[in-house]
PDB file of N, CA and C in Angstrom:
ATOM      1  N   MET A   1       1.330  -1.120   0.033  1.00  0.00           N
ATOM      2  CA  MET A   1       0.272  -0.102   0.058  1.00  0.00           C
ATOM      3  C   MET A   1       0.895   1.482  -0.217  1.00  0.00           C
ATOM      4  N   ALA A   2       2.030   1.387   0.755  1.00  0.00           N
ATOM      5  CA  ALA A   2       3.086   2.231   0.611  1.00  0.00           C
ATOM      6  C   ALA A   2       3.479   2.551  -0.981  1.00  0.00           C
ATOM      7  N   HIS A   3       3.562   1.462  -1.201  1.00  0.00           N
ATOM      8  CA  HIS A   3       4.315   1.766  -3.050  1.00  0.00           C
ATOM      9  C   HIS A   3       3.007   2.292  -3.667  1.00  0.00           C
ATOM     10  N   ALA A   4       1.864   2.217  -3.733  1.00  0.00           N
ATOM     11  CA  ALA A   4       0.837   3.222  -4.587  1.00  0.00           C
ATOM     12  C   ALA A   4       1.257   4.390  -3.886  1.00  0.00           C
ATOM     13  N   ARG A   5       0.613   4.276  -2.698  1.00  0.00           N
ATOM     14  CA  ARG A   5       1.305   6.066  -2.425  1.00  0.00           C
ATOM     15  C   ARG A   5       2.458   6.812  -2.668  1.00  0.00           C
ATOM     16  N   ALA A   6       3.726   6.215  -2.468  1.00  0.00           N
ATOM     17  CA  ALA A   6       4.947   6.590  -3.287  1.00  0.00           C
ATOM     18  C   ALA A   6       4.677   7.371  -4.745  1.00  0.00           C
ATOM     19  N   SER A   7       3.828   6.371  -5.390  1.00  0.00           N
ATOM     20  CA  SER A   7       3.976   6.493  -6.993  1.00  0.00           C
ATOM     21  C   SER A   7       2.279   7.422  -7.095  1.00  0.00           C
ATOM     22  N   SER A   8       2.341   7.742  -6.533  1.00  0.00           N
ATOM     23  CA  SER A   8       0.835   8.911  -7.367  1.00  0.00           C
ATOM     24  C   SER A   8       0.914   9.956  -7.009  1.00  0.00           C
ATOM     25  N   THR A   9       2.631  10.686  -5.623  1.00  0.00           N
ATOM     26  CA  THR A   9       3.224  11.624  -5.590  1.00  0.00           C
ATOM     27  C   THR A   9       4.225  11.889  -6.318  1.00  0.00           C
ATOM     28  N   ASP A  10       4.396  10.988  -7.334  1.00  0.00           N
ATOM     29  CA  ASP A  10       6.151  11.042  -7.540  1.00  0.00           C
ATOM     30  C   ASP A  10       6.448  12.131  -8.179  1.00  0.00           C
ATOM     31  N   GLU A  11       5.148  12.914  -8.960  1.00  0.00           N
ATOM     32  CA  GLU A  11       5.945  14.532  -9.424  1.00  0.00           C
ATOM     33  C   GLU A  11       5.487  15.522  -8.443  1.00  0.00           C
ATOM     34  N   PHE A  12       5.344  15.416  -7.345  1.00  0.00           N
ATOM     35  CA  PHE A  12       5.477  16.370  -6.052  1.00  0.00           C
ATOM     36  C   PHE A  12       6.487  16.348  -4.860  1.00  0.00           C
ATOM     37  N   LYS A  13       7.454  16.680  -4.502  1.00  0.00           N
ATOM     38  CA  LYS A  13       8.060  16.257  -3.893  1.00  0.00           C
ATOM     39  C   LYS A  13       7.696  17.787  -2.772  1.00  0.00           C
ATOM     40  N   VAL A  14       8.610  17.610  -1.509  1.00  0.00           N
ATOM     41  CA  VAL A  14       8.120  18.338  -0.546  1.00  0.00           C
ATOM     42  C   VAL A  14       9.410  19.400  -0.713  1.00  0.00           C
ATOM     43  N   GLY A  15       9.072  20.884  -0.442  1.00  0.00           N
ATOM     44  CA  GLY A  15       9.327  21.575  -1.061  1.00  0.00           C
ATOM     45  C   GLY A  15       9.734  22.501  -2.407  1.00  0.00           C
ATOM     46  N   ALA A  16       8.883  21.629  -3.586  1.00  0.00           N
ATOM     47  CA  ALA A  16       8.801  21.953  -4.670  1.00  0.00           C
ATOM     48  C   ALA A  16       7.466  23.526  -4.612  1.00  0.00           C
ATOM     49  N   ARG A  17       7.236  24.822  -5.825  1.00  0.00           N
ATOM     50  CA  ARG A  17       6.723  25.338  -5.604  1.00  0.00           C
ATOM     51  C   ARG A  17       5.893  24.916  -6.623  1.00  0.00           C
ATOM     52  N   ILE A  18       4.208  25.467  -6.484  1.00  0.00           N
ATOM     53  CA  ILE A  18       3.469  24.787  -6.980  1.00  0.00           C
ATOM     54  C   ILE A  18       2.289  26.521  -7.130  1.00  0.00           C
ATOM     55  N   LYS A  19       1.666  25.856  -7.878  1.00  0.00           N
ATOM     56  CA  LYS A  19       0.589  26.728  -8.253  1.00  0.00           C
ATOM     57  C   LYS A  19      -0.861  26.264  -8.166  1.00  0.00           C
ATOM     58  N   VAL A  20      -1.806  26.681  -7.669  1.00  0.00           N
ATOM     59  CA  VAL A  20      -2.848  26.377  -8.023  1.00  0.00           C
ATOM     60  C   VAL A  20      -3.838  26.393  -9.097  1.00  0.00           C
ATOM     61  N   GLY A  21      -4.410  25.209 -10.070  1.00  0.00           N
ATOM     62  CA  GLY A  21      -5.530  25.788 -10.406  1.00  0.00           C
ATOM     63  C   GLY A  21      -6.927  26.926 -10.779  1.00  0.00           C
ATOM     64  N   ASP A  22      -7.416  27.290 -11.822  1.00  0.00           N
ATOM     65  CA  ASP A  22      -8.525  27.356 -12.253  1.00  0.00           C
ATOM     66  C   ASP A  22      -9.727  26.442 -11.862  1.00  0.00           C
ATOM     67  N   ALA A  23      -9.377  25.392 -11.612  1.00  0.00           N
ATOM     68  CA  ALA A  23     -10.345  24.750 -11.106  1.00  0.00           C
ATOM     69  C   ALA A  23     -10.706  24.471  -9.656  1.00  0.00           C
ATOM     70  N   ALA A  24      -9.371  24.818  -8.717  1.00  0.00           N
ATOM     71  CA  ALA A  24      -9.618  25.388  -7.199  1.00  0.00           C
ATOM     72  C   ALA A  24     -11.099  25.651  -7.133  1.00  0.00           C
ATOM     73  N   GLY A  25     -11.750  26.857  -7.710  1.00  0.00           N
ATOM     74  CA  GLY A  25     -12.652  27.998  -7.381  1.00  0.00           C
ATOM     75  C   GLY A  25     -12.099  29.220  -7.007  1.00  0.00           C
ATOM     76  N   PRO A  26     -12.784  30.495  -7.215  1.00  0.00           N
ATOM     77  CA  PRO A  26     -12.409  32.183  -7.284  1.00  0.00           C
ATOM     78  C   PRO A  26     -11.574  32.167  -5.940  1.00  0.00           C
ATOM     79  N   ARG A  27     -11.329  31.686  -5.072  1.00  0.00           N
ATOM     80  CA  ARG A  27     -10.604  32.196  -3.876  1.00  0.00           C
ATOM     81  C   ARG A  27      -9.125  31.185  -3.555  1.00  0.00           C
ATOM     82  N   LEU A  28      -8.687  30.357  -4.400  1.00  0.00           N
ATOM     83  CA  LEU A  28      -7.659  30.035  -4.884  1.00  0.00           C
ATOM     84  C   LEU A  28      -6.842  30.032  -6.174  1.00  0.00           C
ATOM     85  N   ALA A  29      -7.876  30.010  -6.956  1.00  0.00           N
ATOM     86  CA  ALA A  29      -7.249  30.149  -8.123  1.00  0.00           C
ATOM     87  C   ALA A  29      -5.944  31.287  -8.520  1.00  0.00           C
ATOM     88  N   SER A  30      -4.578  30.701  -8.986  1.00  0.00           N
ATOM     89  CA  SER A  30      -3.674  31.383  -9.352  1.00  0.00           C
ATOM     90  C   SER A  30      -2.715  31.555  -8.276  1.00  0.00           C
ATOM     91  N   LYS A  31      -2.828  31.038  -7.393  1.00  0.00           N
ATOM     92  CA  LYS A  31      -2.131  31.706  -5.794  1.00  0.00           C
ATOM     93  C   LYS A  31      -0.974  30.401  -5.791  1.00  0.00           C
ATOM     94  N   ARG A  32      -0.076  30.893  -5.559  1.00  0.00           N
ATOM     95  CA  ARG A  32       1.099  29.901  -5.713  1.00  0.00           C
ATOM     96  C   ARG A  32       1.522  29.420  -4.368  1.00  0.00           C
ATOM     97  N   GLY A  33       2.472  28.444  -3.861  1.00  0.00           N
ATOM     98  CA  GLY A  33       2.676  28.151  -2.745  1.00  0.00           C
ATOM     99  C   GLY A  33       4.040  27.106  -2.446  1.00  0.00           C
ATOM    100  N   THR A  34       3.745  26.253  -1.438  1.00  0.00           N
ATOM    101  CA  THR A  34       5.095  25.446  -0.931  1.00  0.00           C
ATOM    102  C   THR A  34       4.030  23.779  -0.994  1.00  0.00           C
ATOM    103  N   ILE A  35       5.008  23.188  -1.341  1.00  0.00           N
ATOM    104  CA  ILE A  35       4.543  21.737  -0.562  1.00  0.00           C
ATOM    105  C   ILE A  35       5.259  21.158   0.534  1.00  0.00           C
ATOM    106  N   LEU A  36       4.140  20.932   1.731  1.00  0.00           N
ATOM    107  CA  LEU A  36       4.538  21.059   3.049  1.00  0.00           C
ATOM    108  C   LEU A  36       5.280  19.394   3.494  1.00  0.00           C
ATOM    109  N   GLY A  37       3.960  18.874   2.567  1.00  0.00           N
ATOM    110  CA  GLY A  37       3.688  17.403   2.760  1.00  0.00           C
ATOM    111  C   GLY A  37       2.466  16.798   2.187  1.00  0.00           C
ATOM    112  N   PHE A  38       2.509  15.480   2.670  1.00  0.00           N
ATOM    113  CA  PHE A  38       1.688  14.821   1.843  1.00  0.00           C
ATOM    114  C   PHE A  38       0.494  14.822   3.100  1.00  0.00           C
ATOM    115  N   GLY A  39      -1.167  13.931   2.681  1.00  0.00           N
ATOM    116  CA  GLY A  39      -2.474  13.965   3.324  1.00  0.00           C
ATOM    117  C   GLY A  39      -2.376  12.698   3.535  1.00  0.00           C
ATOM    118  N   LYS A  40      -4.224  12.665   4.051  1.00  0.00           N
ATOM    119  CA  LYS A  40      -4.194  11.197   4.544  1.00  0.00           C
ATOM    120  C   LYS A  40      -4.907  10.144   4.089  1.00  0.00           C
ATOM    121  N   TYR A  41      -5.019  10.904   2.176  1.00  0.00           N
ATOM    122  CA  TYR A  41      -5.595  10.185   1.355  1.00  0.00           C
ATOM    123  C   TYR A  41      -3.948  10.033   0.129  1.00  0.00           C
ATOM    124  N   PRO A  42      -4.171   9.515  -0.858  1.00  0.00           N
ATOM    125  CA  PRO A  42      -3.098   9.234  -1.550  1.00  0.00           C
ATOM    126  C   PRO A  42      -2.335  10.418  -2.462  1.00  0.00           C
ATOM    127  N   ASP A  43      -3.842  10.861  -3.354  1.00  0.00           N
ATOM    128  CA  ASP A  43      -4.180  12.522  -3.993  1.00  0.00           C
ATOM    129  C   ASP A  43      -3.743  13.693  -3.474  1.00  0.00           C
ATOM    130  N   ALA A  44      -4.045  13.358  -1.552  1.00  0.00           N
ATOM    131  CA  ALA A  44      -4.019  14.821  -0.767  1.00  0.00           C
ATOM    132  C   ALA A  44      -2.432  15.704  -0.751  1.00  0.00           C
ATOM    133  N   VAL A  45      -2.568  17.164  -0.856  1.00  0.00           N
ATOM    134  CA  VAL A  45      -0.815  17.104  -0.550  1.00  0.00           C
ATOM    135  C   VAL A  45      -1.113  18.229  -0.022  1.00  0.00           C
ATOM    136  N   ARG A  46      -0.107  18.653   1.331  1.00  0.00           N
ATOM    137  CA  ARG A  46      -0.353  19.884   1.890  1.00  0.00           C
ATOM    138  C   ARG A  46       0.734  20.465   1.463  1.00  0.00           C
ATOM    139  N   VAL A  47      -0.281  22.605   1.655  1.00  0.00           N
ATOM    140  CA  VAL A  47       0.666  23.161   0.786  1.00  0.00           C
ATOM    141  C   VAL A  47       0.463  24.431   1.783  1.00  0.00           C
ATOM    142  N   LYS A  48       1.497  25.180   1.575  1.00  0.00           N
ATOM    143  CA  LYS A  48       1.442  26.384   2.406  1.00  0.00           C
ATOM    144  C   LYS A  48       1.288  27.499   0.907  1.00  0.00           C
ATOM    145  N   LEU A  49       0.079  28.417   0.964  1.00  0.00           N
ATOM    146  CA  LEU A  49       0.131  29.329   0.148  1.00  0.00           C
ATOM    147  C   LEU A  49       0.756  30.518   0.755  1.00  0.00           C
ATOM    148  N   ASP A  50       1.794  31.041  -0.682  1.00  0.00           N
ATOM    149  CA  ASP A  50       2.185  32.572  -0.342  1.00  0.00           C
ATOM    150  C   ASP A  50       1.162  33.509   0.396  1.00  0.00           C
ATOM    151  N   GLY A  51       1.506  33.998   1.399  1.00  0.00           N
ATOM    152  CA  GLY A  51       1.102  34.744   2.159  1.00  0.00           C
ATOM    153  C   GLY A  51      -0.333  34.596   3.460  1.00  0.00           C
ATOM    154  N   SER A  52      -0.313  33.133   3.411  1.00  0.00           N
ATOM    155  CA  SER A  52      -0.804  32.128   3.905  1.00  0.00           C
ATOM    156  C   SER A  52      -0.367  32.150   5.236  1.00  0.00           C
ATOM    157  N   LYS A  53      -1.252  31.953   6.374  1.00  0.00           N
ATOM    158  CA  LYS A  53      -0.545  31.450   7.743  1.00  0.00           C
ATOM    159  C   LYS A  53      -0.587  30.142   8.213  1.00  0.00           C
ATOM    160  N   PHE A  54      -1.284  29.738   7.366  1.00  0.00           N
ATOM    161  CA  PHE A  54      -1.810  28.032   7.569  1.00  0.00           C
ATOM    162  C   PHE A  54      -2.108  27.535   6.746  1.00  0.00           C
ATOM    163  N   PRO A  55      -0.973  25.856   6.212  1.00  0.00           N
ATOM    164  CA  PRO A  55      -0.794  24.946   5.448  1.00  0.00           C
ATOM    165  C   PRO A  55      -2.542  25.059   5.609  1.00  0.00           C
ATOM    166  N   ILE A  56      -2.983  24.327   4.247  1.00  0.00           N
ATOM    167  CA  ILE A  56      -4.050  24.224   3.343  1.00  0.00           C
ATOM    168  C   ILE A  56      -3.822  22.642   2.648  1.00  0.00           C
ATOM    169  N   THR A  57      -4.589  21.431   2.622  1.00  0.00           N
ATOM    170  CA  THR A  57      -4.683  20.099   2.168  1.00  0.00           C
ATOM    171  C   THR A  57      -5.880  19.997   0.822  1.00  0.00           C
ATOM    172  N   LEU A  58      -4.592  19.890  -0.025  1.00  0.00           N
ATOM    173  CA  LEU A  58      -5.657  19.826  -1.597  1.00  0.00           C
ATOM    174  C   LEU A  58      -5.441  18.491  -2.811  1.00  0.00           C
ATOM    175  N   HIS A  59      -6.604  18.446  -2.851  1.00  0.00           N
ATOM    176  CA  HIS A  59      -6.216  17.439  -4.017  1.00  0.00           C
ATOM    177  C   HIS A  59      -5.128  17.203  -5.205  1.00  0.00           C
ATOM    178  N   LYS A  60      -4.071  16.946  -5.816  1.00  0.00           N
ATOM    179  CA  LYS A  60      -2.908  17.056  -6.696  1.00  0.00           C
ATOM    180  C   LYS A  60      -3.911  17.907  -7.582  1.00  0.00           C
ATOM    181  N   LYS A  61      -5.041  16.851  -8.322  1.00  0.00           N
ATOM    182  CA  LYS A  61      -5.514  17.473  -9.554  1.00  0.00           C
ATOM    183  C   LYS A  61      -5.727  19.376  -9.680  1.00  0.00           C
ATOM    184  N   TYR A  62      -5.551  20.032  -8.658  1.00  0.00           N
ATOM    185  CA  TYR A  62      -5.853  21.219  -8.743  1.00  0.00           C
ATOM    186  C   TYR A  62      -4.511  22.341  -9.034  1.00  0.00           C
ATOM    187  N   LEU A  63      -3.433  21.502  -8.693  1.00  0.00           N
ATOM    188  CA  LEU A  63      -1.734  21.948  -8.590  1.00  0.00           C
ATOM    189  C   LEU A  63      -1.213  21.679  -9.575  1.00  0.00           C
ATOM    190  N   SER A  64      -0.192  22.507  -9.931  1.00  0.00           N
ATOM    191  CA  SER A  64       0.604  22.205 -10.871  1.00  0.00           C
ATOM    192  C   SER A  64       2.082  22.514 -10.839  1.00  0.00           C
ATOM    193  N   LEU A  65       3.126  22.360 -10.403  1.00  0.00           N
ATOM    194  CA  LEU A  65       4.359  22.501 -10.364  1.00  0.00           C
ATOM    195  C   LEU A  65       5.303  23.784 -11.718  1.00  0.00           C
ATOM    196  N   GLU A  66       5.459  24.754 -10.368  1.00  0.00           N
ATOM    197  CA  GLU A  66       6.076  25.815 -11.152  1.00  0.00           C
ATOM    198  C   GLU A  66       7.444  25.167 -11.518  1.00  0.00           C
ATOM    199  N   ASP A  67       7.632  26.241 -12.536  1.00  0.00           N
ATOM    200  CA  ASP A  67       9.064  25.770 -13.447  1.00  0.00           C
ATOM    201  C   ASP A  67       9.896  26.746 -12.390  1.00  0.00           C
ATOM    202  N   GLN A  68      11.267  25.866 -12.303  1.00  0.00           N
ATOM    203  CA  GLN A  68      12.124  26.525 -11.838  1.00  0.00           C
ATOM    204  C   GLN A  68      13.271  27.249 -12.745  1.00  0.00           C
ATOM    205  N   PRO A  69      13.885  28.324 -11.565  1.00  0.00           N
ATOM    206  CA  PRO A  69      14.516  29.144 -12.679  1.00  0.00           C
ATOM    207  C   PRO A  69      16.019  28.506 -12.988  1.00  0.00           C
TER     208      PRO A  69
END
């Protein structure tokens, strides 16, 4: 079971920069943040958005990795 969890989040690594997609809704769309870890479910990602005090959990389908400069 741990193997399935690792494969579903391979593209997301702790510390990676992300951008929230439009499908997440108007409040979150286009926000950027940093991945802190993974949630209770295989497709859940813990993210701290820029300017936020606390992390939130989002489904990985709402996130895209930012290009590294």
